[in-house]
Amino acid sequence: MAFGILVWIFKETPRNRITTYPVYQIQQTTTVMKATKGKLVNQITETDSEKLKELFVDGLKDIYWAEKHLAKALTKMSKSATSEELKAAFEKHTTETEEHAARLEEVFGLVGEKAQAKKCAAMEGLIEEGEEIISSTDKGTMVRDCGLIMAAQKVEHYEIASYGTLRNIARTLGYSEVADMLQITLDQEGETDHKLTELAETYVNEEASAE
C-alpha cells in the first residue's frame, strides 16, 4: 500500500500572517522502490548493444570512405597551393590520411567486421567545395591559399566530430583498444587543424588581403 508524508514549514510574514510552504513529499511503494533501485545501474541490454554496434560499424564505414577519398583530394590541394608551407602541410596530412585508412582497417578487424566503405555524402560535399575553390581562385595567389585552408578546416572539423563520437561509442561498447586507436587519429586531426589555423593567422590571411 502506498503512503505519503507531506512536510510543511511555517513562516511568519511581516503582517503576522502564517503562510505554509511545502518542502518535500515522500511517496513510496514496494514497487517504486524496486524500480528506482533498478535504475541505479546503467546497463546496456544485448539488444541495445547490438543496435549500438550496428551504428558504430556504420560510422566506421562512413569515415573509411571519407579517408579513402580525402587522400586523393589532399594531393590535388597540395599541388594547387601557393605557399610552400601549406603545400607541405597538405602533403604531410595526405600521408597521415593514408595511415588513418589503414588504422580503420585494423579497427574493423578488432570488432569482427570486414573493412567496407560506405559513401559519405558529407565528405563528398566538402571535397567538391575544395575543388570549387580551386577553380574559382587564381593560381599562385594567397587568396587561393586562404580558400584552401578554409575548405581543409571544414574537413578537419567534420573528421574531429566523427572520430570523437566513434571513440566514445567504442568506450561504451567496451572496445578499449579500438577507442585508443581512434584517439590517435583524433589527435592527428586536431594537430592538422591547429597547423592550418597557425598558417592562416601567421601570414596567409594578411597577404591575401593585400592582393
Protein backbone atom coordinates (compact mmCIF):
# COMPACT_ATOMS: atom_id res chain seq x y z
CA MET A 1 0.00 0.00 0.00
CA ALA A 2 1.32 3.46 -0.89
CA PHE A 3 1.65 6.08 1.81
CA GLY A 4 2.90 9.63 1.79
CA ILE A 5 4.27 12.21 4.15
CA LEU A 6 3.78 15.86 3.37
CA VAL A 7 6.03 18.20 5.33
CA TRP A 8 5.30 21.88 5.72
CA ILE A 9 7.15 24.76 7.32
CA PHE A 10 5.53 27.82 8.78
CA LYS A 11 6.86 31.31 8.31
CA GLU A 12 5.61 34.48 9.90
CA THR A 13 5.14 37.24 7.35
CA PRO A 14 5.61 40.95 8.06
CA ARG A 15 1.83 41.25 8.53
CA ASN A 16 1.83 38.47 11.13
CA ARG A 17 0.06 36.08 8.84
CA ILE A 18 1.10 32.47 8.87
CA THR A 19 2.00 31.11 5.46
CA THR A 20 2.69 27.46 4.73
CA TYR A 21 5.38 26.28 2.33
CA PRO A 22 5.55 22.66 1.11
CA VAL A 23 9.14 21.40 1.46
CA TYR A 24 9.02 17.88 0.13
CA GLN A 25 6.79 14.95 -0.27
CA ILE A 26 7.87 11.37 0.14
CA GLN A 27 5.84 8.72 -1.52
CA GLN A 28 6.95 5.18 -1.80
CA THR A 29 5.70 1.74 -2.53
CA THR A 30 7.45 -1.54 -2.70
CA THR A 31 7.13 -1.42 -6.49
CA VAL A 32 8.55 2.09 -6.77
CA MET A 33 11.48 1.20 -4.54
CA LYS A 34 12.37 -1.76 -6.68
CA ALA A 35 12.08 0.27 -9.89
CA THR A 36 14.28 3.03 -8.50
CA LYS A 37 16.88 0.54 -7.35
CA GLY A 38 17.00 -0.94 -10.83
CA LYS A 39 17.66 2.46 -12.40
CA LEU A 40 20.78 2.92 -10.31
CA VAL A 41 22.64 0.51 -12.57
CA ASN A 42 23.06 1.77 -16.12
CA GLN A 43 23.29 -1.37 -18.19
CA ILE A 44 23.08 -1.96 -21.94
CA THR A 45 20.99 -4.96 -22.89
CA GLU A 46 22.24 -7.37 -25.55
CA THR A 47 19.67 -5.98 -27.98
CA ASP A 48 20.68 -2.39 -27.32
CA SER A 49 24.35 -3.33 -27.57
CA GLU A 50 23.83 -4.92 -30.98
CA LYS A 51 21.98 -1.85 -32.24
CA LEU A 52 24.72 0.43 -30.97
CA LYS A 53 27.37 -1.74 -32.59
CA GLU A 54 25.50 -1.54 -35.89
CA LEU A 55 25.55 2.24 -35.62
CA PHE A 56 29.24 2.15 -34.72
CA VAL A 57 30.17 -0.06 -37.67
CA ASP A 58 28.09 2.12 -39.99
CA GLY A 59 30.05 5.13 -38.75
CA LEU A 60 33.33 3.32 -39.41
CA LYS A 61 32.26 2.58 -42.98
CA ASP A 62 31.35 6.23 -43.46
CA ILE A 63 34.66 7.64 -42.24
CA TYR A 64 36.59 4.89 -44.06
CA TRP A 65 35.10 6.09 -47.35
CA ALA A 66 35.89 9.66 -46.34
CA GLU A 67 39.57 8.90 -45.64
CA LYS A 68 39.99 6.98 -48.90
CA HIS A 69 38.66 9.85 -50.99
CA LEU A 70 40.26 12.59 -48.93
CA ALA A 71 43.75 11.28 -49.66
CA LYS A 72 43.23 11.97 -53.37
CA ALA A 73 41.70 15.38 -52.69
CA LEU A 74 44.60 16.45 -50.47
CA THR A 75 47.08 15.61 -53.21
CA LYS A 76 45.23 17.97 -55.55
CA MET A 77 45.03 20.65 -52.86
CA SER A 78 48.76 20.39 -52.24
CA LYS A 79 49.55 20.88 -55.95
CA SER A 80 47.18 23.85 -56.08
CA ALA A 81 48.54 25.65 -53.01
CA THR A 82 50.78 28.71 -53.37
CA SER A 83 52.59 28.70 -50.04
CA GLU A 84 55.32 26.07 -49.66
CA GLU A 85 54.34 25.64 -46.01
CA LEU A 86 50.75 24.96 -46.94
CA LYS A 87 51.88 22.50 -49.62
CA ALA A 88 53.97 20.72 -47.01
CA ALA A 89 51.06 20.65 -44.54
CA PHE A 90 48.80 19.05 -47.15
CA GLU A 91 51.47 16.53 -48.13
CA LYS A 92 52.03 15.57 -44.51
CA HIS A 93 48.33 15.11 -43.91
CA THR A 94 47.99 13.07 -47.09
CA THR A 95 50.41 10.55 -45.59
CA GLU A 96 48.53 10.65 -42.28
CA THR A 97 45.21 10.18 -44.04
CA GLU A 98 46.52 7.00 -45.67
CA GLU A 99 47.59 5.85 -42.20
CA HIS A 100 44.13 6.66 -40.87
CA ALA A 101 42.53 4.43 -43.51
CA ALA A 102 44.92 1.60 -42.64
CA ARG A 103 44.19 2.08 -38.93
CA LEU A 104 40.47 1.85 -39.62
CA GLU A 105 41.05 -1.47 -41.37
CA GLU A 106 42.63 -2.71 -38.12
CA VAL A 107 39.65 -1.40 -36.18
CA PHE A 108 37.24 -3.31 -38.41
CA GLY A 109 39.19 -6.47 -37.68
CA LEU A 110 39.18 -5.89 -33.93
CA VAL A 111 35.37 -5.64 -33.86
CA GLY A 112 34.98 -8.69 -36.08
CA GLU A 113 33.88 -6.87 -39.22
CA LYS A 114 35.17 -6.72 -42.78
CA ALA A 115 36.59 -3.36 -43.82
CA GLN A 116 33.99 -1.79 -46.10
CA ALA A 117 33.39 1.75 -47.27
CA LYS A 118 30.01 3.42 -47.38
CA LYS A 119 29.62 6.59 -49.40
CA CYS A 120 29.96 9.61 -47.14
CA ALA A 121 27.75 12.37 -48.52
CA ALA A 122 29.21 14.93 -46.11
CA MET A 123 32.81 14.33 -47.19
CA GLU A 124 31.78 14.21 -50.85
CA GLY A 125 30.29 17.68 -50.46
CA LEU A 126 33.34 19.03 -48.63
CA ILE A 127 35.68 17.70 -51.31
CA GLU A 128 33.55 19.30 -54.02
CA GLU A 129 33.71 22.58 -52.14
CA GLY A 130 37.51 22.39 -52.14
CA GLU A 131 37.54 21.75 -55.89
CA GLU A 132 35.23 24.72 -56.43
CA ILE A 133 37.61 26.98 -54.52
CA ILE A 134 40.50 25.85 -56.72
CA SER A 135 38.54 26.54 -59.90
CA SER A 136 37.25 29.93 -58.72
CA THR A 137 40.56 31.42 -57.49
CA ASP A 138 43.69 32.49 -59.35
CA LYS A 139 46.72 30.22 -59.37
CA GLY A 140 49.70 31.45 -57.37
CA THR A 141 47.69 33.70 -55.03
CA MET A 142 47.31 33.79 -51.30
CA VAL A 143 43.58 34.22 -51.79
CA ARG A 144 43.54 30.68 -53.12
CA ASP A 145 45.56 29.50 -50.11
CA CYS A 146 43.10 31.23 -47.79
CA GLY A 147 40.26 29.40 -49.52
CA LEU A 148 42.10 26.07 -49.38
CA ILE A 149 42.68 26.47 -45.65
CA MET A 150 39.01 27.23 -45.15
CA ALA A 151 37.98 24.13 -47.12
CA ALA A 152 40.54 21.93 -45.37
CA GLN A 153 39.49 23.05 -41.90
CA LYS A 154 35.88 22.22 -42.67
CA VAL A 155 37.09 18.72 -43.50
CA GLU A 156 39.12 18.52 -40.30
CA HIS A 157 36.20 19.65 -38.15
CA TYR A 158 33.98 17.01 -39.70
CA GLU A 159 36.59 14.33 -39.05
CA ILE A 160 37.19 15.51 -35.50
CA ALA A 161 33.47 15.24 -34.77
CA SER A 162 33.29 11.80 -36.41
CA TYR A 163 36.29 10.30 -34.67
CA GLY A 164 35.36 11.81 -31.33
CA THR A 165 31.90 10.27 -31.46
CA LEU A 166 33.19 6.89 -32.65
CA ARG A 167 35.77 6.85 -29.86
CA ASN A 168 33.09 7.48 -27.26
CA ILE A 169 30.84 4.75 -28.64
CA ALA A 170 33.79 2.34 -28.67
CA ARG A 171 34.34 3.04 -24.98
CA THR A 172 30.66 2.42 -24.25
CA LEU A 173 30.78 -0.90 -26.07
CA GLY A 174 33.89 -1.93 -24.16
CA TYR A 175 36.28 -1.71 -27.12
CA SER A 176 39.09 -0.04 -25.17
CA GLU A 177 41.84 -0.88 -27.69
CA VAL A 178 39.71 0.44 -30.54
CA ALA A 179 38.99 3.63 -28.59
CA ASP A 180 42.72 4.17 -28.09
CA MET A 181 43.38 3.72 -31.81
CA LEU A 182 40.65 6.18 -32.74
CA GLN A 183 42.11 8.65 -30.23
CA ILE A 184 45.45 8.54 -32.07
CA THR A 185 43.72 9.56 -35.29
CA LEU A 186 41.66 12.17 -33.46
CA ASP A 187 44.84 13.74 -32.07
CA GLN A 188 46.39 13.93 -35.53
CA GLU A 189 43.28 15.57 -36.96
CA GLY A 190 43.42 18.14 -34.19
CA GLU A 191 47.09 18.86 -34.85
CA THR A 192 46.39 19.40 -38.55
CA ASP A 193 43.56 21.79 -37.77
CA HIS A 194 45.85 23.72 -35.41
CA LYS A 195 48.58 23.91 -38.06
CA LEU A 196 46.16 25.29 -40.64
CA THR A 197 44.97 27.94 -38.20
CA GLU A 198 48.58 28.86 -37.47
CA LEU A 199 49.38 29.32 -41.16
CA ALA A 200 46.29 31.44 -41.71
CA GLU A 201 46.94 33.69 -38.73
CA THR A 202 50.71 33.99 -39.29
CA TYR A 203 50.70 35.32 -42.84
CA VAL A 204 48.26 33.76 -45.33
CA ASN A 205 45.20 35.85 -44.46
CA GLU A 206 47.19 39.07 -44.23
CA GLU A 207 48.91 38.56 -47.58
CA ALA A 208 45.62 37.56 -49.16
CA SER A 209 44.07 40.85 -48.03
CA ALA A 210 46.83 42.77 -49.83
CA GLU A 211 46.31 41.09 -53.22
